[in-house]
């Protein structure tokens, strides 16, 4: 009864359609705080869903559903320079922690930071008229917004594709190279979404392809440039993961009041990818471990408040510290942070995650021979190949870590 009342309170507080709720009060259980530690406008999470497509809001319990919460900092946000087009797009969704709605999974994901500083993401959709001949997009007239590499292009009669290179155009009229060869003529109204590929979309695609999940619902809450203490109780972000859990509870309750994380065919995991800021700050091993244990404990307390069982879900913690060390220079791993991350692993609820610190140099991508980090932006952020390996590397990626943690992965 306690569990039903808790979920009912969340649902009654929100409009019936998508569980939307204001987040302007200190006691609002669905309020999400933002964090701009260095004053970067890019740190503020965009909430524009005008270019997003709503997905199915209810859950089909006859198939395996995988809810994956991505938490942490910039290498676990919309990090990659280019958007990713999943093969299994119809099986991947994005639960928006701001309005509680489920949207179709498409980069950039809603609920997390945009592409990091240096990748100049566009805050709004660009609209324009263009033709496509082969892989050449020709834009005419004066576009609304700015067109750039990495954006996703769509329109009536257009095979959804991404811009891979500039031609004569550099944001406005001119030519651009797109990934998918096609013919679109005469001139057609098109739109370009902001750029910023999330590793979670690549992971979700791999899990569906492998037959581990019939539907993956990504719940991204990571914020760039954040230290572990910001996610602990008393920190400005401490409620982001609990809010994600409550949003999942809303969606499950819309299908059936008895559904919870841990029910048959409902698997919930938190993928923690963070540590770079603590390398820069010189956070001690003991302090990092204490904060992360407290963050995990808070999620268990939240699960209890929702009436979920103690086996509601699992955590996977990445080995992730590669950044500018406290003494300066670029870049290095921090054994204190790595050891702190390993110390929370108990192989019962908390498991080892991706080994992000192993993904340096030119060992990334499908052929394991491309640069892992994006040298054109911040040199610790993923390249497209790095985001691929972070998600799918057979030794160091999230997919392998999930598999090692057990069923259903």
Protein backbone atom coordinates (compact mmCIF):
# COMPACT_ATOMS: atom_id res chain seq x y z
CA UNK A 1 0.00 0.00 0.00
CA UNK A 2 2.82 2.42 0.83
CA UNK A 3 4.33 1.85 -2.58
CA UNK A 4 1.05 2.46 -4.42
CA UNK A 5 0.44 5.66 -2.49
CA UNK A 6 3.96 6.93 -3.23
CA UNK A 7 3.62 6.37 -6.97
CA UNK A 8 0.05 7.68 -7.00
CA UNK A 9 1.24 10.91 -5.37
CA UNK A 10 3.76 11.42 -8.16
CA UNK A 11 1.18 10.76 -10.85
CA UNK A 12 -1.51 12.95 -9.30
CA UNK A 13 0.96 15.81 -9.06
CA UNK A 14 1.42 15.75 -12.83
CA UNK A 15 -0.78 16.12 -15.90
CA UNK A 16 -1.96 12.72 -17.09
CA UNK A 17 -0.47 12.86 -20.57
CA UNK A 18 3.25 12.69 -19.89
CA UNK A 19 3.72 13.25 -16.18
CA UNK A 20 4.87 16.82 -16.61
CA UNK A 21 5.50 18.73 -13.42
CA UNK A 22 6.86 22.11 -12.46
CA UNK A 23 10.31 22.07 -10.90
CA UNK A 24 10.24 25.37 -9.07
CA UNK A 25 9.94 24.36 -5.44
CA UNK A 26 12.41 23.01 -2.92
CA UNK A 27 10.02 20.21 -1.96
CA UNK A 28 9.26 19.14 -5.51
CA UNK A 29 10.29 15.48 -5.78
CA UNK A 30 10.66 15.88 -9.55
CA UNK A 31 12.77 19.04 -9.49
CA UNK A 32 16.10 18.94 -11.31
CA UNK A 33 18.78 21.48 -10.48
CA UNK A 34 21.28 22.62 -13.08
CA UNK A 35 24.93 23.15 -12.49
CA UNK A 36 27.23 25.65 -14.16
CA UNK A 37 30.41 25.46 -12.09
CA UNK A 38 32.49 27.52 -14.50
CA UNK A 39 29.77 29.76 -15.85
CA UNK A 40 29.65 28.08 -19.27
CA UNK A 41 26.32 28.57 -21.00
CA UNK A 42 26.89 25.12 -22.53
CA UNK A 43 26.49 23.59 -19.07
CA UNK A 44 22.79 24.48 -18.93
CA UNK A 45 20.79 21.50 -20.15
CA UNK A 46 18.56 22.27 -23.14
CA UNK A 47 14.90 21.33 -22.74
CA UNK A 48 13.71 21.98 -26.30
CA UNK A 49 11.67 18.97 -27.43
CA UNK A 50 10.20 20.64 -30.52
CA UNK A 51 12.29 18.44 -32.79
CA UNK A 52 11.69 15.28 -30.77
CA UNK A 53 9.15 12.54 -31.54
CA UNK A 54 7.09 11.01 -28.75
CA UNK A 55 7.50 7.28 -28.28
CA UNK A 56 5.21 4.73 -26.67
CA UNK A 57 4.51 5.87 -23.11
CA UNK A 58 3.50 2.47 -21.70
CA UNK A 59 5.68 -0.59 -21.15
CA UNK A 60 5.17 -3.96 -22.84
CA UNK A 61 6.02 -6.42 -20.07
CA UNK A 62 6.04 -9.41 -22.41
CA UNK A 63 9.48 -8.38 -23.68
CA UNK A 64 12.72 -7.38 -21.95
CA UNK A 65 12.82 -3.67 -21.10
CA UNK A 66 16.12 -2.12 -20.02
CA UNK A 67 16.01 1.26 -18.27
CA UNK A 68 19.53 2.73 -18.28
CA UNK A 69 20.29 5.82 -16.20
CA UNK A 70 23.48 7.57 -17.34
CA UNK A 71 25.00 9.70 -14.56
CA UNK A 72 28.33 11.46 -14.18
CA UNK A 73 30.13 14.09 -16.20
CA UNK A 74 31.14 15.14 -19.71
CA UNK A 75 32.26 11.83 -21.21
CA UNK A 76 28.81 10.49 -20.29
CA UNK A 77 26.82 13.32 -21.90
CA UNK A 78 26.21 14.28 -25.57
CA UNK A 79 29.98 14.14 -26.03
CA UNK A 80 30.83 12.80 -29.48
CA UNK A 81 31.23 15.37 -32.28
CA UNK A 82 28.64 13.69 -34.50
CA UNK A 83 25.15 12.37 -33.89
CA UNK A 84 24.72 8.61 -34.10
CA UNK A 85 21.98 6.97 -36.18
CA UNK A 86 21.03 3.68 -34.49
CA UNK A 87 20.25 0.58 -36.51
CA UNK A 88 17.52 -0.37 -34.04
CA UNK A 89 15.92 3.07 -33.77
CA UNK A 90 12.41 1.67 -33.25
CA UNK A 91 13.57 -0.15 -30.10
CA UNK A 92 15.40 2.74 -28.40
CA UNK A 93 13.80 5.56 -26.43
CA UNK A 94 14.79 8.54 -24.28
CA UNK A 95 12.90 9.22 -21.05
CA UNK A 96 13.15 12.96 -20.45
CA UNK A 97 13.63 13.57 -16.71
CA UNK A 98 12.31 17.13 -17.11
CA UNK A 99 8.81 16.39 -18.41
CA UNK A 100 8.57 12.64 -17.75
CA UNK A 101 7.71 11.83 -21.37
CA UNK A 102 9.31 9.08 -23.42
CA UNK A 103 10.71 10.29 -26.74
CA UNK A 104 12.24 8.25 -29.53
CA UNK A 105 15.96 7.80 -28.95
CA UNK A 106 17.88 10.23 -31.11
CA UNK A 107 20.99 12.35 -30.57
CA UNK A 108 21.38 14.65 -28.83
CA UNK A 109 19.56 13.04 -25.92
CA UNK A 110 17.31 15.15 -23.70
CA UNK A 111 18.03 15.38 -19.96
CA UNK A 112 21.79 15.81 -20.01
CA UNK A 113 24.42 18.37 -21.01
CA UNK A 114 24.93 19.27 -24.67
CA UNK A 115 28.22 18.69 -26.44
CA UNK A 116 31.19 19.94 -24.38
CA UNK A 117 32.86 23.31 -24.77
CA UNK A 118 34.77 23.46 -28.05
CA UNK A 119 32.26 21.54 -30.15
CA UNK A 120 29.96 24.60 -30.60
CA UNK A 121 26.61 22.81 -30.43
CA UNK A 122 23.67 24.71 -31.84
CA UNK A 123 20.94 25.47 -29.29
CA UNK A 124 18.05 25.22 -31.78
CA UNK A 125 17.07 23.35 -34.90
CA UNK A 126 18.27 24.82 -38.20
CA UNK A 127 15.61 25.00 -40.95
CA UNK A 128 16.45 25.39 -44.62
CA UNK A 129 15.68 24.33 -48.21
CA UNK A 130 18.10 22.00 -49.97
CA UNK A 131 18.68 19.25 -52.49
CA UNK A 132 20.82 16.12 -52.08
CA UNK A 133 22.73 14.48 -54.92
CA UNK A 134 24.70 11.46 -53.75
CA UNK A 135 26.42 12.65 -50.60
CA UNK A 136 26.30 16.36 -51.44
CA UNK A 137 23.75 18.51 -49.67
CA UNK A 138 23.19 21.86 -51.37
CA UNK A 139 21.53 24.50 -49.21
CA UNK A 140 19.92 27.51 -50.85
CA UNK A 141 18.47 30.74 -49.56
CA UNK A 142 19.01 31.90 -45.99
CA UNK A 143 18.70 29.14 -43.40
CA UNK A 144 17.13 29.78 -40.01
CA UNK A 145 19.81 28.73 -37.54
CA UNK A 146 23.31 27.47 -38.17
CA UNK A 147 24.18 24.26 -40.07
CA UNK A 148 27.25 22.31 -38.96
CA UNK A 149 29.14 19.04 -38.96
CA UNK A 150 27.66 16.29 -36.83
CA UNK A 151 24.05 17.42 -37.10
CA UNK A 152 21.23 15.11 -38.13
CA UNK A 153 19.35 16.02 -41.31
CA UNK A 154 15.71 15.09 -41.87
CA UNK A 155 12.77 16.10 -44.02
CA UNK A 156 9.99 14.73 -46.23
CA UNK A 157 11.49 12.16 -48.58
CA UNK A 158 14.91 12.44 -46.91
CA UNK A 159 16.71 9.39 -45.59
CA UNK A 160 17.81 10.60 -42.16
CA UNK A 161 21.53 11.24 -42.27
CA UNK A 162 24.29 13.28 -40.65
CA UNK A 163 26.55 16.03 -41.96
CA UNK A 164 30.12 14.72 -42.06
CA UNK A 165 32.01 17.65 -43.59
CA UNK A 166 31.72 21.22 -44.78
CA UNK A 167 31.89 22.00 -48.49
CA UNK A 168 31.37 25.55 -49.68
CA UNK A 169 28.91 26.10 -46.84
CA UNK A 170 29.99 27.06 -43.34
CA UNK A 171 26.72 27.41 -41.48
CA UNK A 172 24.53 28.93 -44.18
CA UNK A 173 23.94 28.46 -47.90
CA UNK A 174 26.39 26.24 -49.76
CA UNK A 175 27.34 22.58 -49.96
CA UNK A 176 27.89 19.98 -47.22
CA UNK A 177 28.78 16.29 -47.24
CA UNK A 178 26.28 13.86 -45.72
CA UNK A 179 26.79 10.24 -44.68
CA UNK A 180 23.97 8.52 -46.61
CA UNK A 181 23.98 8.73 -50.42
CA UNK A 182 20.55 9.62 -51.83
CA UNK A 183 18.71 11.83 -54.28
CA UNK A 184 16.38 14.55 -53.05
CA UNK A 185 15.15 16.92 -55.74
CA UNK A 186 13.61 19.43 -56.24
CA UNK A 187 14.53 21.64 -53.30
CA UNK A 188 12.93 20.33 -50.12
CA UNK A 189 12.33 21.78 -46.66
CA UNK A 190 14.77 20.15 -44.22
CA UNK A 191 15.83 20.51 -40.61
CA UNK A 192 19.16 19.96 -38.84
CA UNK A 193 19.15 19.03 -35.16
CA UNK A 194 21.94 20.11 -32.78
CA UNK A 195 25.07 17.96 -32.82
CA UNK A 196 26.30 15.88 -29.91
CA UNK A 197 26.41 12.09 -29.90
CA UNK A 198 25.65 10.31 -26.61
CA UNK A 199 27.56 7.05 -25.95
CA UNK A 200 24.35 5.67 -24.46
CA UNK A 201 22.69 5.56 -27.87
CA UNK A 202 25.54 3.44 -29.23
CA UNK A 203 25.28 1.15 -26.20
CA UNK A 204 21.51 0.79 -26.54
CA UNK A 205 21.89 -0.12 -30.21
CA UNK A 206 24.43 -2.82 -29.35
CA UNK A 207 22.21 -4.30 -26.61
CA UNK A 208 19.25 -4.59 -28.95
CA UNK A 209 21.38 -6.05 -31.74
CA UNK A 210 22.76 -8.63 -29.30
CA UNK A 211 19.23 -9.63 -28.29
CA UNK A 212 19.75 -8.64 -24.64
CA UNK A 213 17.03 -5.99 -24.56
CA UNK A 214 13.93 -5.72 -26.74
CA UNK A 215 13.53 -2.09 -25.73
CA UNK A 216 16.12 0.24 -24.20
CA UNK A 217 14.87 3.38 -22.46
CA UNK A 218 17.77 5.75 -21.80
CA UNK A 219 17.42 8.18 -18.87
CA UNK A 220 20.37 10.61 -19.12
CA UNK A 221 21.09 12.95 -16.21
CA UNK A 222 24.87 13.55 -16.43
CA UNK A 223 26.21 17.11 -16.18
CA UNK A 224 29.58 18.23 -17.56
CA UNK A 225 32.44 19.33 -15.31
CA UNK A 226 30.97 17.94 -12.09
CA UNK A 227 32.82 16.42 -9.15
CA UNK A 228 31.54 13.44 -7.19
CA UNK A 229 30.67 15.60 -4.16
CA UNK A 230 28.15 17.55 -6.25
CA UNK A 231 26.11 14.34 -6.62
CA UNK A 232 26.16 13.52 -2.91
CA UNK A 233 23.58 14.73 -0.38
CA UNK A 234 24.20 18.44 0.14
CA UNK A 235 25.59 18.82 -3.38
CA UNK A 236 23.62 20.70 -5.99
CA UNK A 237 23.01 17.55 -8.09
CA UNK A 238 22.18 15.07 -5.36
CA UNK A 239 18.58 14.62 -6.50
CA UNK A 240 19.16 14.00 -10.23
CA UNK A 241 19.43 10.21 -10.02
CA UNK A 242 16.50 9.91 -7.57
CA UNK A 243 14.40 12.07 -9.93
CA UNK A 244 15.29 9.72 -12.80
CA UNK A 245 14.09 6.80 -10.67
CA UNK A 246 10.82 8.58 -9.88
CA UNK A 247 10.26 9.30 -13.56
CA UNK A 248 10.75 5.60 -14.28
CA UNK A 249 8.22 4.82 -11.55
CA UNK A 250 5.71 7.13 -13.26
CA UNK A 251 6.06 5.33 -16.56
CA UNK A 252 5.82 1.89 -14.97
CA UNK A 253 2.76 2.89 -12.95
CA UNK A 254 1.05 4.16 -16.09
CA UNK A 255 1.20 0.58 -17.37
CA UNK A 256 0.39 -1.14 -14.07
CA UNK A 257 0.54 -0.04 -10.40
CA UNK A 258 2.32 -3.30 -9.54
CA UNK A 259 5.24 -2.71 -11.92
CA UNK A 260 8.60 -1.70 -10.49
CA UNK A 261 12.27 -1.86 -11.32
CA UNK A 262 13.12 -5.49 -10.73
CA UNK A 263 9.78 -6.86 -11.97
CA UNK A 264 9.87 -9.54 -14.66
CA UNK A 265 11.31 -8.04 -17.86
CA UNK A 266 11.98 -4.69 -16.15
CA UNK A 267 15.72 -4.18 -15.58
CA UNK A 268 17.08 -0.90 -14.22
CA UNK A 269 20.73 0.08 -14.06
CA UNK A 270 22.76 3.18 -13.25
CA UNK A 271 25.92 3.67 -15.32
CA UNK A 272 28.27 5.97 -13.41
CA UNK A 273 30.86 7.63 -15.64
CA UNK A 274 32.67 10.34 -13.70
CA UNK A 275 36.01 11.15 -12.09
CA UNK A 276 37.87 13.55 -14.35
CA UNK A 277 36.96 16.61 -12.30
CA UNK A 278 38.17 14.87 -9.14
CA UNK A 279 41.53 14.21 -10.80
CA UNK A 280 41.79 17.95 -11.42
CA UNK A 281 40.68 18.77 -7.88
CA UNK A 282 42.99 16.25 -6.20
CA UNK A 283 40.12 14.52 -4.39
CA UNK A 284 41.41 11.87 -2.00
CA UNK A 285 40.59 8.21 -2.42
CA UNK A 286 38.74 8.11 0.90
CA UNK A 287 36.64 11.19 0.12
CA UNK A 288 35.67 9.92 -3.34
CA UNK A 289 34.70 6.47 -2.05
CA UNK A 290 32.65 7.96 0.78
CA UNK A 291 30.73 10.25 -1.58
CA UNK A 292 30.02 7.52 -4.12
CA UNK A 293 28.87 5.05 -1.45
CA UNK A 294 26.54 7.74 -0.13
CA UNK A 295 25.16 8.41 -3.64
CA UNK A 296 24.45 4.70 -4.11
CA UNK A 297 22.83 4.53 -0.68
CA UNK A 298 20.56 7.45 -1.61
CA UNK A 299 19.27 5.55 -4.64
CA UNK A 300 18.41 2.60 -2.41
CA UNK A 301 16.57 4.91 -0.04
CA UNK A 302 14.67 6.31 -3.02
CA UNK A 303 13.79 2.79 -4.16
CA UNK A 304 12.42 2.03 -0.70
CA UNK A 305 10.31 5.20 -0.76
CA UNK A 306 8.80 4.00 -4.05
CA UNK A 307 8.00 0.62 -2.55
CA UNK A 308 10.53 -1.16 -4.76
CA UNK A 309 12.28 -4.29 -3.55
CA UNK A 310 15.90 -4.29 -2.40
CA UNK A 311 16.84 -5.93 -5.70
CA UNK A 312 15.45 -3.01 -7.69
CA UNK A 313 18.54 -2.55 -9.84
CA UNK A 314 22.30 -2.43 -10.12
CA UNK A 315 25.07 0.11 -10.41
CA UNK A 316 28.07 -0.07 -12.74
CA UNK A 317 30.98 2.24 -11.93
CA UNK A 318 33.48 3.15 -14.64
CA UNK A 319 37.19 3.38 -14.11
CA UNK A 320 37.33 6.97 -15.23
CA UNK A 321 39.88 9.60 -14.22
CA UNK A 322 41.86 10.60 -17.33
CA UNK A 323 42.19 14.37 -17.14
CA UNK A 324 44.46 17.31 -16.41
CA UNK A 325 46.11 16.40 -13.08
CA UNK A 326 46.18 18.73 -10.11
CA UNK A 327 49.78 19.66 -10.91
CA UNK A 328 48.97 20.72 -14.47
CA UNK A 329 49.87 19.34 -17.87
CA UNK A 330 47.74 17.08 -20.03
CA UNK A 331 46.67 14.37 -19.45
CA UNK A 332 46.96 11.50 -16.99
CA UNK A 333 44.99 8.98 -14.99
CA UNK A 334 44.69 9.24 -11.21
CA UNK A 335 45.24 5.99 -9.31
CA UNK A 336 43.55 7.42 -6.21
CA UNK A 337 40.34 8.02 -8.15
CA UNK A 338 40.61 4.65 -9.87
CA UNK A 339 41.09 2.89 -6.53
CA UNK A 340 38.17 4.80 -5.04
CA UNK A 341 35.93 3.71 -7.89
CA UNK A 342 37.03 0.10 -7.49
CA UNK A 343 36.45 0.23 -3.73
CA UNK A 344 32.66 0.59 -4.07
CA UNK A 345 32.34 -2.54 -6.22
CA UNK A 346 30.82 -5.45 -4.28
CA UNK A 347 29.67 -7.62 -7.23
CA UNK A 348 26.25 -7.83 -5.60
CA UNK A 349 24.62 -4.54 -6.46
CA UNK A 350 27.66 -2.57 -7.59
CA UNK A 351 29.82 -3.84 -10.44
CA UNK A 352 32.84 -2.64 -12.39
CA UNK A 353 31.83 -0.56 -15.38
CA UNK A 354 33.64 0.59 -18.50
CA UNK A 355 37.38 1.13 -18.28
CA UNK A 356 37.41 4.59 -19.81
CA UNK A 357 41.02 5.14 -18.72
CA UNK A 358 42.16 2.37 -21.06
CA UNK A 359 40.65 4.19 -24.03
CA UNK A 360 43.49 6.56 -24.87
CA UNK A 361 45.72 6.85 -27.90
CA UNK A 362 44.66 5.14 -31.14
CA UNK A 363 42.92 2.01 -29.92
CA UNK A 364 39.27 2.97 -30.52
CA UNK A 365 36.53 2.40 -33.07
CA UNK A 366 35.23 -0.72 -34.82
CA UNK A 367 38.74 -1.59 -36.01
CA UNK A 368 40.47 -0.53 -32.76
CA UNK A 369 42.89 1.67 -34.66
CA UNK A 370 41.49 5.20 -34.40
CA UNK A 371 41.99 8.08 -31.98
CA UNK A 372 39.90 7.76 -28.83
CA UNK A 373 39.85 11.44 -27.88
CA UNK A 374 38.81 14.50 -29.86
CA UNK A 375 41.93 16.58 -30.38
CA UNK A 376 39.93 19.38 -32.03
CA UNK A 377 38.07 20.10 -28.77
CA UNK A 378 39.01 19.28 -25.19
CA UNK A 379 41.61 16.48 -25.59
CA UNK A 380 40.00 14.27 -22.94
CA UNK A 381 36.58 14.14 -24.60
CA UNK A 382 35.55 11.31 -26.91
CA UNK A 383 35.97 11.29 -30.64
CA UNK A 384 33.23 9.43 -32.52
CA UNK A 385 35.43 6.33 -32.37
CA UNK A 386 36.05 6.85 -28.67
CA UNK A 387 32.31 7.03 -27.96
CA UNK A 388 31.90 3.80 -29.90
CA UNK A 389 34.53 2.02 -27.78
CA UNK A 390 33.24 3.48 -24.50
CA UNK A 391 29.93 1.85 -25.38
CA UNK A 392 30.98 -1.34 -27.16
CA UNK A 393 34.68 -2.17 -26.74
CA UNK A 394 34.85 -5.96 -26.13
CA UNK A 395 37.24 -5.52 -23.19
CA UNK A 396 36.77 -2.01 -21.83
CA UNK A 397 33.27 -0.90 -22.87
CA UNK A 398 29.92 -0.65 -21.10
CA UNK A 399 28.42 -3.51 -23.07
CA UNK A 400 31.03 -5.98 -21.84
CA UNK A 401 30.71 -4.65 -18.27
CA UNK A 402 26.94 -5.13 -18.37
CA UNK A 403 27.40 -8.65 -19.68
CA UNK A 404 29.79 -9.45 -16.84
CA UNK A 405 27.25 -8.16 -14.30
CA UNK A 406 24.79 -10.90 -15.24
CA UNK A 407 21.31 -11.50 -16.64
CA UNK A 408 19.71 -10.15 -18.76
CA UNK A 409 22.85 -8.66 -20.26
